[in-house]
Amino acid sequence: MQQLELFEFRRDCLFDSKNQIAHYFDILKETKDTISYAEHIEPNSEFAIAGMSYEEFVDINKDELKGLTYDQILNYLNNSKKEERLENYKKLLKFRNITFKADLFTWNDID
């Protein structure tokens, strides 16, 4: 019987902040096949957009990394200004000819 290794992958929080409007957090994580960076916004319940969550993400298949490592990506993101991080990361990947998927994902958390 093969043991499942569910928790061997990394997950790093690069930013986490809450205010009267929303909870904001940025995560770099890996799975067996991908490395993903996402910037999340979860509005507080007092606002008209409450329950609507937003995630802008960049996903890279690990077989497309062309020598770039998780640690190098983490270091690059940590050394980037928060406001420019996502766009600069996309520019870096384009410059290195690394294929990625980027999108804005929204969903409603209220049933």
PDB file of N, CA and C in Angstrom:
ATOM      1  N   MET A   1       0.838  -1.180   0.000  1.00  0.00           N
ATOM      2  CA  MET A   1       0.000   0.000   0.000  1.00  0.00           C
ATOM      3  C   MET A   1       0.885   1.248   0.000  1.00  0.00           C
ATOM      4  N   GLN A   2       0.582   2.174  -0.887  1.00  0.00           N
ATOM      5  CA  GLN A   2       1.351   3.415  -0.978  1.00  0.00           C
ATOM      6  C   GLN A   2       0.740   4.477  -0.070  1.00  0.00           C
ATOM      7  N   GLN A   3       1.585   5.137   0.712  1.00  0.00           N
ATOM      8  CA  GLN A   3       1.117   6.171   1.619  1.00  0.00           C
ATOM      9  C   GLN A   3       0.906   7.474   0.861  1.00  0.00           C
ATOM     10  N   LEU A   4      -0.204   8.131   1.134  1.00  0.00           N
ATOM     11  CA  LEU A   4      -0.461   9.430   0.529  1.00  0.00           C
ATOM     12  C   LEU A   4       0.353  10.494   1.255  1.00  0.00           C
ATOM     13  N   GLU A   5       1.018  11.332   0.500  1.00  0.00           N
ATOM     14  CA  GLU A   5       1.797  12.417   1.075  1.00  0.00           C
ATOM     15  C   GLU A   5       1.047  13.719   0.807  1.00  0.00           C
ATOM     16  N   LEU A   6       0.141  14.048   1.711  1.00  0.00           N
ATOM     17  CA  LEU A   6      -0.748  15.181   1.490  1.00  0.00           C
ATOM     18  C   LEU A   6      -0.157  16.529   1.875  1.00  0.00           C
ATOM     19  N   PHE A   7       0.837  16.550   2.739  1.00  0.00           N
ATOM     20  CA  PHE A   7       1.277  17.815   3.309  1.00  0.00           C
ATOM     21  C   PHE A   7       2.721  18.159   2.986  1.00  0.00           C
ATOM     22  N   GLU A   8       3.272  17.625   1.933  1.00  0.00           N
ATOM     23  CA  GLU A   8       4.670  17.883   1.612  1.00  0.00           C
ATOM     24  C   GLU A   8       4.892  19.154   0.808  1.00  0.00           C
ATOM     25  N   PHE A   9       3.849  19.788   0.361  1.00  0.00           N
ATOM     26  CA  PHE A   9       3.991  20.940  -0.510  1.00  0.00           C
ATOM     27  C   PHE A   9       4.009  22.236   0.287  1.00  0.00           C
ATOM     28  N   ARG A  10       4.655  23.230  -0.258  1.00  0.00           N
ATOM     29  CA  ARG A  10       4.847  24.496   0.444  1.00  0.00           C
ATOM     30  C   ARG A  10       3.685  25.455   0.213  1.00  0.00           C
ATOM     31  N   ARG A  11       3.529  26.345   1.184  1.00  0.00           N
ATOM     32  CA  ARG A  11       2.527  27.405   1.122  1.00  0.00           C
ATOM     33  C   ARG A  11       3.067  28.558   1.945  1.00  0.00           C
ATOM     34  N   ASP A  12       3.231  29.723   1.319  1.00  0.00           N
ATOM     35  CA  ASP A  12       3.783  30.894   1.991  1.00  0.00           C
ATOM     36  C   ASP A  12       2.824  32.064   1.841  1.00  0.00           C
ATOM     37  N   CYS A  13       2.549  32.718   2.954  1.00  0.00           N
ATOM     38  CA  CYS A  13       1.727  33.921   2.952  1.00  0.00           C
ATOM     39  C   CYS A  13       2.662  35.119   2.824  1.00  0.00           C
ATOM     40  N   LEU A  14       2.487  35.908   1.774  1.00  0.00           N
ATOM     41  CA  LEU A  14       3.337  37.072   1.529  1.00  0.00           C
ATOM     42  C   LEU A  14       2.721  38.354   2.058  1.00  0.00           C
ATOM     43  N   PHE A  15       1.425  38.348   2.282  1.00  0.00           N
ATOM     44  CA  PHE A  15       0.738  39.546   2.761  1.00  0.00           C
ATOM     45  C   PHE A  15      -0.555  39.108   3.425  1.00  0.00           C
ATOM     46  N   ASP A  16      -0.887  39.718   4.550  1.00  0.00           N
ATOM     47  CA  ASP A  16      -2.134  39.415   5.251  1.00  0.00           C
ATOM     48  C   ASP A  16      -2.540  40.661   6.025  1.00  0.00           C
ATOM     49  N   SER A  17      -3.695  41.218   5.671  1.00  0.00           N
ATOM     50  CA  SER A  17      -4.136  42.450   6.313  1.00  0.00           C
ATOM     51  C   SER A  17      -5.662  42.488   6.349  1.00  0.00           C
ATOM     52  N   LYS A  18      -6.174  43.040   7.437  1.00  0.00           N
ATOM     53  CA  LYS A  18      -7.616  43.237   7.568  1.00  0.00           C
ATOM     54  C   LYS A  18      -7.862  44.689   7.942  1.00  0.00           C
ATOM     55  N   ASN A  19      -8.954  45.219   7.412  1.00  0.00           N
ATOM     56  CA  ASN A  19      -9.409  46.543   7.830  1.00  0.00           C
ATOM     57  C   ASN A  19     -10.934  46.531   7.854  1.00  0.00           C
ATOM     58  N   GLN A  20     -11.551  47.698   8.006  1.00  0.00           N
ATOM     59  CA  GLN A  20     -13.004  47.765   8.095  1.00  0.00           C
ATOM     60  C   GLN A  20     -13.699  47.347   6.803  1.00  0.00           C
ATOM     61  N   ILE A  21     -12.976  47.323   5.708  1.00  0.00           N
ATOM     62  CA  ILE A  21     -13.575  46.996   4.411  1.00  0.00           C
ATOM     63  C   ILE A  21     -13.447  45.512   4.062  1.00  0.00           C
ATOM     64  N   ALA A  22     -12.241  44.932   4.258  1.00  0.00           N
ATOM     65  CA  ALA A  22     -12.024  43.567   3.777  1.00  0.00           C
ATOM     66  C   ALA A  22     -10.808  42.909   4.426  1.00  0.00           C
ATOM     67  N   HIS A  23     -10.676  41.623   4.149  1.00  0.00           N
ATOM     68  CA  HIS A  23      -9.488  40.845   4.481  1.00  0.00           C
ATOM     69  C   HIS A  23      -8.723  40.641   3.171  1.00  0.00           C
ATOM     70  N   TYR A  24      -7.451  41.019   3.186  1.00  0.00           N
ATOM     71  CA  TYR A  24      -6.591  40.913   2.002  1.00  0.00           C
ATOM     72  C   TYR A  24      -5.457  39.951   2.319  1.00  0.00           C
ATOM     73  N   PHE A  25      -5.188  39.018   1.421  1.00  0.00           N
ATOM     74  CA  PHE A  25      -4.050  38.130   1.645  1.00  0.00           C
ATOM     75  C   PHE A  25      -3.513  37.599   0.321  1.00  0.00           C
ATOM     76  N   ASP A  26      -2.190  37.435   0.281  1.00  0.00           N
ATOM     77  CA  ASP A  26      -1.493  36.956  -0.912  1.00  0.00           C
ATOM     78  C   ASP A  26      -0.758  35.673  -0.549  1.00  0.00           C
ATOM     79  N   ILE A  27      -0.916  34.660  -1.395  1.00  0.00           N
ATOM     80  CA  ILE A  27      -0.370  33.335  -1.104  1.00  0.00           C
ATOM     81  C   ILE A  27       0.418  32.812  -2.305  1.00  0.00           C
ATOM     82  N   LEU A  28       1.606  32.261  -2.016  1.00  0.00           N
ATOM     83  CA  LEU A  28       2.349  31.461  -2.997  1.00  0.00           C
ATOM     84  C   LEU A  28       2.292  30.039  -2.490  1.00  0.00           C
ATOM     85  N   LYS A  29       1.891  29.112  -3.356  1.00  0.00           N
ATOM     86  CA  LYS A  29       1.774  27.713  -2.933  1.00  0.00           C
ATOM     87  C   LYS A  29       2.128  26.781  -4.080  1.00  0.00           C
ATOM     88  N   GLU A  30       2.418  25.563  -3.699  1.00  0.00           N
ATOM     89  CA  GLU A  30       2.689  24.554  -4.716  1.00  0.00           C
ATOM     90  C   GLU A  30       1.829  23.321  -4.481  1.00  0.00           C
ATOM     91  N   THR A  31       1.584  22.636  -5.563  1.00  0.00           N
ATOM     92  CA  THR A  31       0.956  21.322  -5.529  1.00  0.00           C
ATOM     93  C   THR A  31       1.911  20.378  -6.246  1.00  0.00           C
ATOM     94  N   LYS A  32       1.475  19.190  -6.452  1.00  0.00           N
ATOM     95  CA  LYS A  32       2.315  18.215  -7.164  1.00  0.00           C
ATOM     96  C   LYS A  32       2.735  18.731  -8.544  1.00  0.00           C
ATOM     97  N   ASP A  33       1.825  19.428  -9.224  1.00  0.00           N
ATOM     98  CA  ASP A  33       2.051  19.819 -10.616  1.00  0.00           C
ATOM     99  C   ASP A  33       2.209  21.306 -10.871  1.00  0.00           C
ATOM    100  N   THR A  34       1.849  22.153  -9.908  1.00  0.00           N
ATOM    101  CA  THR A  34       1.836  23.590 -10.172  1.00  0.00           C
ATOM    102  C   THR A  34       2.440  24.415  -9.042  1.00  0.00           C
ATOM    103  N   ILE A  35       2.811  25.635  -9.410  1.00  0.00           N
ATOM    104  CA  ILE A  35       3.125  26.685  -8.456  1.00  0.00           C
ATOM    105  C   ILE A  35       2.151  27.815  -8.754  1.00  0.00           C
ATOM    106  N   SER A  36       1.461  28.281  -7.711  1.00  0.00           N
ATOM    107  CA  SER A  36       0.421  29.294  -7.877  1.00  0.00           C
ATOM    108  C   SER A  36       0.669  30.474  -6.956  1.00  0.00           C
ATOM    109  N   TYR A  37       0.470  31.657  -7.505  1.00  0.00           N
ATOM    110  CA  TYR A  37       0.491  32.884  -6.707  1.00  0.00           C
ATOM    111  C   TYR A  37      -0.876  33.520  -6.851  1.00  0.00           C
ATOM    112  N   ALA A  38      -1.476  33.908  -5.733  1.00  0.00           N
ATOM    113  CA  ALA A  38      -2.806  34.512  -5.790  1.00  0.00           C
ATOM    114  C   ALA A  38      -2.924  35.640  -4.776  1.00  0.00           C
ATOM    115  N   GLU A  39      -3.628  36.684  -5.198  1.00  0.00           N
ATOM    116  CA  GLU A  39      -3.961  37.809  -4.335  1.00  0.00           C
ATOM    117  C   GLU A  39      -5.467  37.752  -4.091  1.00  0.00           C
ATOM    118  N   HIS A  40      -5.862  37.677  -2.817  1.00  0.00           N
ATOM    119  CA  HIS A  40      -7.256  37.486  -2.425  1.00  0.00           C
ATOM    120  C   HIS A  40      -7.823  38.730  -1.758  1.00  0.00           C
ATOM    121  N   ILE A  41      -9.114  38.969  -1.993  1.00  0.00           N
ATOM    122  CA  ILE A  41      -9.866  40.001  -1.286  1.00  0.00           C
ATOM    123  C   ILE A  41     -11.188  39.367  -0.860  1.00  0.00           C
ATOM    124  N   GLU A  42     -11.472  39.447   0.457  1.00  0.00           N
ATOM    125  CA  GLU A  42     -12.740  38.964   0.992  1.00  0.00           C
ATOM    126  C   GLU A  42     -13.415  40.125   1.729  1.00  0.00           C
ATOM    127  N   PRO A  43     -14.381  40.795   1.106  1.00  0.00           N
ATOM    128  CA  PRO A  43     -15.043  41.951   1.727  1.00  0.00           C
ATOM    129  C   PRO A  43     -15.768  41.566   3.022  1.00  0.00           C
ATOM    130  N   ASN A  44     -15.821  42.503   3.962  1.00  0.00           N
ATOM    131  CA  ASN A  44     -16.534  42.301   5.223  1.00  0.00           C
ATOM    132  C   ASN A  44     -18.039  42.360   5.007  1.00  0.00           C
ATOM    133  N   SER A  45     -18.777  41.809   5.930  1.00  0.00           N
ATOM    134  CA  SER A  45     -20.224  41.642   5.771  1.00  0.00           C
ATOM    135  C   SER A  45     -21.010  42.951   5.746  1.00  0.00           C
ATOM    136  N   GLU A  46     -20.452  44.047   6.229  1.00  0.00           N
ATOM    137  CA  GLU A  46     -21.194  45.308   6.266  1.00  0.00           C
ATOM    138  C   GLU A  46     -21.284  46.001   4.901  1.00  0.00           C
ATOM    139  N   PHE A  47     -20.614  45.494   3.911  1.00  0.00           N
ATOM    140  CA  PHE A  47     -20.543  46.179   2.624  1.00  0.00           C
ATOM    141  C   PHE A  47     -21.414  45.497   1.577  1.00  0.00           C
ATOM    142  N   ALA A  48     -21.827  46.264   0.596  1.00  0.00           N
ATOM    143  CA  ALA A  48     -22.747  45.771  -0.433  1.00  0.00           C
ATOM    144  C   ALA A  48     -22.189  44.572  -1.183  1.00  0.00           C
ATOM    145  N   ILE A  49     -20.871  44.493  -1.250  1.00  0.00           N
ATOM    146  CA  ILE A  49     -20.268  43.382  -1.987  1.00  0.00           C
ATOM    147  C   ILE A  49     -19.896  42.227  -1.058  1.00  0.00           C
ATOM    148  N   ALA A  50     -20.409  42.262   0.161  1.00  0.00           N
ATOM    149  CA  ALA A  50     -20.110  41.193   1.117  1.00  0.00           C
ATOM    150  C   ALA A  50     -20.523  39.842   0.550  1.00  0.00           C
ATOM    151  N   GLY A  51     -19.725  38.856   0.834  1.00  0.00           N
ATOM    152  CA  GLY A  51     -19.987  37.519   0.324  1.00  0.00           C
ATOM    153  C   GLY A  51     -19.354  37.248  -1.020  1.00  0.00           C
ATOM    154  N   MET A  52     -18.966  38.295  -1.710  1.00  0.00           N
ATOM    155  CA  MET A  52     -18.285  38.138  -2.992  1.00  0.00           C
ATOM    156  C   MET A  52     -16.791  38.166  -2.729  1.00  0.00           C
ATOM    157  N   SER A  53     -16.102  37.089  -3.074  1.00  0.00           N
ATOM    158  CA  SER A  53     -14.654  37.008  -2.879  1.00  0.00           C
ATOM    159  C   SER A  53     -13.959  37.100  -4.229  1.00  0.00           C
ATOM    160  N   TYR A  54     -12.738  37.618  -4.177  1.00  0.00           N
ATOM    161  CA  TYR A  54     -11.965  37.841  -5.401  1.00  0.00           C
ATOM    162  C   TYR A  54     -10.591  37.196  -5.257  1.00  0.00           C
ATOM    163  N   GLU A  55     -10.153  36.545  -6.312  1.00  0.00           N
ATOM    164  CA  GLU A  55      -8.821  35.939  -6.333  1.00  0.00           C
ATOM    165  C   GLU A  55      -8.208  36.181  -7.711  1.00  0.00           C
ATOM    166  N   GLU A  56      -7.151  36.974  -7.741  1.00  0.00           N
ATOM    167  CA  GLU A  56      -6.404  37.162  -8.981  1.00  0.00           C
ATOM    168  C   GLU A  56      -5.180  36.274  -8.882  1.00  0.00           C
ATOM    169  N   PHE A  57      -4.995  35.405  -9.869  1.00  0.00           N
ATOM    170  CA  PHE A  57      -3.971  34.375  -9.727  1.00  0.00           C
ATOM    171  C   PHE A  57      -3.097  34.214 -10.963  1.00  0.00           C
ATOM    172  N   VAL A  58      -1.944  33.590 -10.723  1.00  0.00           N
ATOM    173  CA  VAL A  58      -1.032  33.158 -11.776  1.00  0.00           C
ATOM    174  C   VAL A  58      -0.636  31.725 -11.445  1.00  0.00           C
ATOM    175  N   ASP A  59      -0.905  30.809 -12.368  1.00  0.00           N
ATOM    176  CA  ASP A  59      -0.549  29.397 -12.199  1.00  0.00           C
ATOM    177  C   ASP A  59       0.500  28.999 -13.230  1.00  0.00           C
ATOM    178  N   ILE A  60       1.492  28.247 -12.774  1.00  0.00           N
ATOM    179  CA  ILE A  60       2.535  27.728 -13.665  1.00  0.00           C
ATOM    180  C   ILE A  60       2.619  26.223 -13.466  1.00  0.00           C
ATOM    181  N   ASN A  61       2.609  25.483 -14.558  1.00  0.00           N
ATOM    182  CA  ASN A  61       2.892  24.055 -14.465  1.00  0.00           C
ATOM    183  C   ASN A  61       4.373  23.869 -14.171  1.00  0.00           C
ATOM    184  N   LYS A  62       4.688  22.989 -13.236  1.00  0.00           N
ATOM    185  CA  LYS A  62       6.080  22.796 -12.828  1.00  0.00           C
ATOM    186  C   LYS A  62       6.976  22.355 -13.993  1.00  0.00           C
ATOM    187  N   ASP A  63       6.416  21.653 -14.946  1.00  0.00           N
ATOM    188  CA  ASP A  63       7.234  21.222 -16.085  1.00  0.00           C
ATOM    189  C   ASP A  63       7.520  22.354 -17.069  1.00  0.00           C
ATOM    190  N   GLU A  64       6.985  23.548 -16.806  1.00  0.00           N
ATOM    191  CA  GLU A  64       7.224  24.724 -17.647  1.00  0.00           C
ATOM    192  C   GLU A  64       8.181  25.730 -16.994  1.00  0.00           C
ATOM    193  N   LEU A  65       8.754  25.416 -15.854  1.00  0.00           N
ATOM    194  CA  LEU A  65       9.531  26.385 -15.074  1.00  0.00           C
ATOM    195  C   LEU A  65      10.867  26.796 -15.685  1.00  0.00           C
ATOM    196  N   LYS A  66      11.426  25.987 -16.567  1.00  0.00           N
ATOM    197  CA  LYS A  66      12.687  26.318 -17.247  1.00  0.00           C
ATOM    198  C   LYS A  66      13.790  26.714 -16.257  1.00  0.00           C
ATOM    199  N   GLY A  67      13.901  25.936 -15.176  1.00  0.00           N
ATOM    200  CA  GLY A  67      14.964  26.166 -14.205  1.00  0.00           C
ATOM    201  C   GLY A  67      14.607  27.096 -13.058  1.00  0.00           C
ATOM    202  N   LEU A  68      13.501  27.805 -13.164  1.00  0.00           N
ATOM    203  CA  LEU A  68      13.067  28.690 -12.089  1.00  0.00           C
ATOM    204  C   LEU A  68      12.535  27.839 -10.935  1.00  0.00           C
ATOM    205  N   THR A  69      12.919  28.169  -9.703  1.00  0.00           N
ATOM    206  CA  THR A  69      12.505  27.372  -8.548  1.00  0.00           C
ATOM    207  C   THR A  69      11.469  28.107  -7.701  1.00  0.00           C
ATOM    208  N   TYR A  70      10.816  27.365  -6.854  1.00  0.00           N
ATOM    209  CA  TYR A  70       9.850  27.940  -5.920  1.00  0.00           C
ATOM    210  C   TYR A  70      10.538  29.001  -5.070  1.00  0.00           C
ATOM    211  N   ASP A  71      11.726  28.694  -4.549  1.00  0.00           N
ATOM    212  CA  ASP A  71      12.453  29.647  -3.710  1.00  0.00           C
ATOM    213  C   ASP A  71      12.807  30.927  -4.457  1.00  0.00           C
ATOM    214  N   GLN A  72      13.171  30.822  -5.726  1.00  0.00           N
ATOM    215  CA  GLN A  72      13.477  32.015  -6.514  1.00  0.00           C
ATOM    216  C   GLN A  72      12.222  32.868  -6.725  1.00  0.00           C
ATOM    217  N   ILE A  73      11.092  32.204  -6.979  1.00  0.00           N
ATOM    218  CA  ILE A  73       9.832  32.923  -7.146  1.00  0.00           C
ATOM    219  C   ILE A  73       9.459  33.612  -5.827  1.00  0.00           C
ATOM    220  N   LEU A  74       9.563  32.894  -4.731  1.00  0.00           N
ATOM    221  CA  LEU A  74       9.247  33.462  -3.421  1.00  0.00           C
ATOM    222  C   LEU A  74      10.124  34.668  -3.124  1.00  0.00           C
ATOM    223  N   ASN A  75      11.402  34.551  -3.370  1.00  0.00           N
ATOM    224  CA  ASN A  75      12.330  35.653  -3.134  1.00  0.00           C
ATOM    225  C   ASN A  75      11.974  36.861  -4.014  1.00  0.00           C
ATOM    226  N   TYR A  76      11.693  36.618  -5.285  1.00  0.00           N
ATOM    227  CA  TYR A  76      11.309  37.699  -6.206  1.00  0.00           C
ATOM    228  C   TYR A  76      10.052  38.422  -5.712  1.00  0.00           C
ATOM    229  N   LEU A  77       9.034  37.648  -5.336  1.00  0.00           N
ATOM    230  CA  LEU A  77       7.788  38.243  -4.881  1.00  0.00           C
ATOM    231  C   LEU A  77       7.979  39.010  -3.577  1.00  0.00           C
ATOM    232  N   ASN A  78       8.756  38.454  -2.660  1.00  0.00           N
ATOM    233  CA  ASN A  78       9.017  39.123  -1.382  1.00  0.00           C
ATOM    234  C   ASN A  78       9.769  40.436  -1.567  1.00  0.00           C
ATOM    235  N   ASN A  79      10.578  40.535  -2.597  1.00  0.00           N
ATOM    236  CA  ASN A  79      11.359  41.741  -2.848  1.00  0.00           C
ATOM    237  C   ASN A  79      10.660  42.737  -3.767  1.00  0.00           C
ATOM    238  N   SER A  80       9.427  42.436  -4.143  1.00  0.00           N
ATOM    239  CA  SER A  80       8.639  43.339  -4.992  1.00  0.00           C
ATOM    240  C   SER A  80       7.678  44.142  -4.124  1.00  0.00           C
ATOM    241  N   LYS A  81       7.393  45.367  -4.551  1.00  0.00           N
ATOM    242  CA  LYS A  81       6.386  46.164  -3.860  1.00  0.00           C
ATOM    243  C   LYS A  81       5.031  45.492  -4.013  1.00  0.00           C
ATOM    244  N   LYS A  82       4.259  45.483  -2.966  1.00  0.00           N
ATOM    245  CA  LYS A  82       2.953  44.831  -2.967  1.00  0.00           C
ATOM    246  C   LYS A  82       2.092  45.296  -4.145  1.00  0.00           C
ATOM    247  N   GLU A  83       2.074  46.585  -4.391  1.00  0.00           N
ATOM    248  CA  GLU A  83       1.205  47.143  -5.440  1.00  0.00           C
ATOM    249  C   GLU A  83       1.619  46.713  -6.842  1.00  0.00           C
ATOM    250  N   GLU A  84       2.874  46.334  -7.029  1.00  0.00           N
ATOM    251  CA  GLU A  84       3.395  45.993  -8.354  1.00  0.00           C
ATOM    252  C   GLU A  84       3.681  44.504  -8.512  1.00  0.00           C
ATOM    253  N   ARG A  85       3.504  43.758  -7.444  1.00  0.00           N
ATOM    254  CA  ARG A  85       3.948  42.359  -7.394  1.00  0.00           C
ATOM    255  C   ARG A  85       3.360  41.487  -8.503  1.00  0.00           C
ATOM    256  N   LEU A  86       2.067  41.510  -8.654  1.00  0.00           N
ATOM    257  CA  LEU A  86       1.406  40.631  -9.623  1.00  0.00           C
ATOM    258  C   LEU A  86       1.831  40.942 -11.055  1.00  0.00           C
ATOM    259  N   GLU A  87       1.796  42.214 -11.431  1.00  0.00           N
ATOM    260  CA  GLU A  87       2.156  42.583 -12.804  1.00  0.00           C
ATOM    261  C   GLU A  87       3.644  42.343 -13.083  1.00  0.00           C
ATOM    262  N   ASN A  88       4.494  42.643 -12.113  1.00  0.00           N
ATOM    263  CA  ASN A  88       5.929  42.392 -12.307  1.00  0.00           C
ATOM    264  C   ASN A  88       6.230  40.910 -12.413  1.00  0.00           C
ATOM    265  N   TYR A  89       5.508  40.102 -11.666  1.00  0.00           N
ATOM    266  CA  TYR A  89       5.673  38.645 -11.746  1.00  0.00           C
ATOM    267  C   TYR A  89       5.299  38.138 -13.141  1.00  0.00           C
ATOM    268  N   LYS A  90       4.199  38.633 -13.681  1.00  0.00           N
ATOM    269  CA  LYS A  90       3.801  38.250 -15.038  1.00  0.00           C
ATOM    270  C   LYS A  90       4.859  38.679 -16.051  1.00  0.00           C
ATOM    271  N   LYS A  91       5.413  39.886 -15.876  1.00  0.00           N
ATOM    272  CA  LYS A  91       6.467  40.366 -16.780  1.00  0.00           C
ATOM    273  C   LYS A  91       7.700  39.479 -16.709  1.00  0.00           C
ATOM    274  N   LEU A  92       8.077  39.065 -15.504  1.00  0.00           N
ATOM    275  CA  LEU A  92       9.222  38.164 -15.340  1.00  0.00           C
ATOM    276  C   LEU A  92       8.987  36.852 -16.081  1.00  0.00           C
ATOM    277  N   LEU A  93       7.808  36.280 -15.920  1.00  0.00           N
ATOM    278  CA  LEU A  93       7.500  35.007 -16.582  1.00  0.00           C
ATOM    279  C   LEU A  93       7.506  35.157 -18.103  1.00  0.00           C
ATOM    280  N   LYS A  94       6.958  36.256 -18.601  1.00  0.00           N
ATOM    281  CA  LYS A  94       6.980  36.505 -20.049  1.00  0.00           C
ATOM    282  C   LYS A  94       8.415  36.675 -20.544  1.00  0.00           C
ATOM    283  N   PHE A  95       9.226  37.418 -19.798  1.00  0.00           N
ATOM    284  CA  PHE A  95      10.624  37.643 -20.162  1.00  0.00           C
ATOM    285  C   PHE A  95      11.388  36.321 -20.245  1.00  0.00           C
ATOM    286  N   ARG A  96      11.080  35.401 -19.338  1.00  0.00           N
ATOM    287  CA  ARG A  96      11.754  34.099 -19.317  1.00  0.00           C
ATOM    288  C   ARG A  96      11.059  33.065 -20.196  1.00  0.00           C
ATOM    289  N   ASN A  97      10.052  33.499 -20.963  1.00  0.00           N
ATOM    290  CA  ASN A  97       9.283  32.618 -21.859  1.00  0.00           C
ATOM    291  C   ASN A  97       8.678  31.428 -21.131  1.00  0.00           C
ATOM    292  N   ILE A  98       8.147  31.696 -19.946  1.00  0.00           N
ATOM    293  CA  ILE A  98       7.485  30.663 -19.151  1.00  0.00           C
ATOM    294  C   ILE A  98       5.978  30.808 -19.345  1.00  0.00           C
ATOM    295  N   THR A  99       5.348  29.728 -19.784  1.00  0.00           N
ATOM    296  CA  THR A  99       3.915  29.705 -20.009  1.00  0.00           C
ATOM    297  C   THR A  99       3.194  29.709 -18.659  1.00  0.00           C
ATOM    298  N   PHE A 100       2.156  30.525 -18.556  1.00  0.00           N
ATOM    299  CA  PHE A 100       1.376  30.579 -17.322  1.00  0.00           C
ATOM    300  C   PHE A 100      -0.074  30.891 -17.638  1.00  0.00           C
ATOM    301  N   LYS A 101      -0.912  30.609 -16.664  1.00  0.00           N
ATOM    302  CA  LYS A 101      -2.326  30.958 -16.754  1.00  0.00           C
ATOM    303  C   LYS A 101      -2.582  32.030 -15.703  1.00  0.00           C
ATOM    304  N   ALA A 102      -3.225  33.125 -16.095  1.00  0.00           N
ATOM    305  CA  ALA A 102      -3.561  34.205 -15.169  1.00  0.00           C
ATOM    306  C   ALA A 102      -5.012  34.595 -15.386  1.00  0.00           C
ATOM    307  N   ASP A 103      -5.699  34.865 -14.274  1.00  0.00           N
ATOM    308  CA  ASP A 103      -7.103  35.235 -14.391  1.00  0.00           C
ATOM    309  C   ASP A 103      -7.578  35.864 -13.087  1.00  0.00           C
ATOM    310  N   LEU A 104      -8.761  36.432 -13.139  1.00  0.00           N
ATOM    311  CA  LEU A 104      -9.444  36.937 -11.952  1.00  0.00           C
ATOM    312  C   LEU A 104     -10.644  36.038 -11.728  1.00  0.00           C
ATOM    313  N   PHE A 105     -10.699  35.440 -10.552  1.00  0.00           N
ATOM    314  CA  PHE A 105     -11.758  34.499 -10.212  1.00  0.00           C
ATOM    315  C   PHE A 105     -12.600  35.128  -9.117  1.00  0.00           C
ATOM    316  N   THR A 106     -13.908  35.138  -9.292  1.00  0.00           N
ATOM    317  CA  THR A 106     -14.813  35.660  -8.276  1.00  0.00           C
ATOM    318  C   THR A 106     -15.847  34.611  -7.935  1.00  0.00           C
ATOM    319  N   TRP A 107     -16.308  34.637  -6.704  1.00  0.00           N
ATOM    320  CA  TRP A 107     -17.364  33.726  -6.295  1.00  0.00           C
ATOM    321  C   TRP A 107     -18.122  34.341  -5.131  1.00  0.00           C
ATOM    322  N   ASN A 108     -19.339  33.869  -4.935  1.00  0.00           N
ATOM    323  CA  ASN A 108     -20.195  34.353  -3.855  1.00  0.00           C
ATOM    324  C   ASN A 108     -20.187  33.325  -2.747  1.00  0.00           C
ATOM    325  N   ASP A 109     -19.821  33.755  -1.531  1.00  0.00           N
ATOM    326  CA  ASP A 109     -19.735  32.855  -0.373  1.00  0.00           C
ATOM    327  C   ASP A 109     -21.051  32.730   0.374  1.00  0.00           C
ATOM    328  N   ILE A 110     -22.036  33.534   0.024  1.00  0.00           N
ATOM    329  CA  ILE A 110     -23.317  33.503   0.741  1.00  0.00           C
ATOM    330  C   ILE A 110     -24.267  32.576  -0.006  1.00  0.00           C
ATOM    331  N   ASP A 111     -24.846  31.654   0.749  1.00  0.00           N
ATOM    332  CA  ASP A 111     -25.806  30.700   0.149  1.00  0.00           C
ATOM    333  C   ASP A 111     -27.209  31.258   0.136  1.00  0.00           C
TER     334      ASP A 111
END
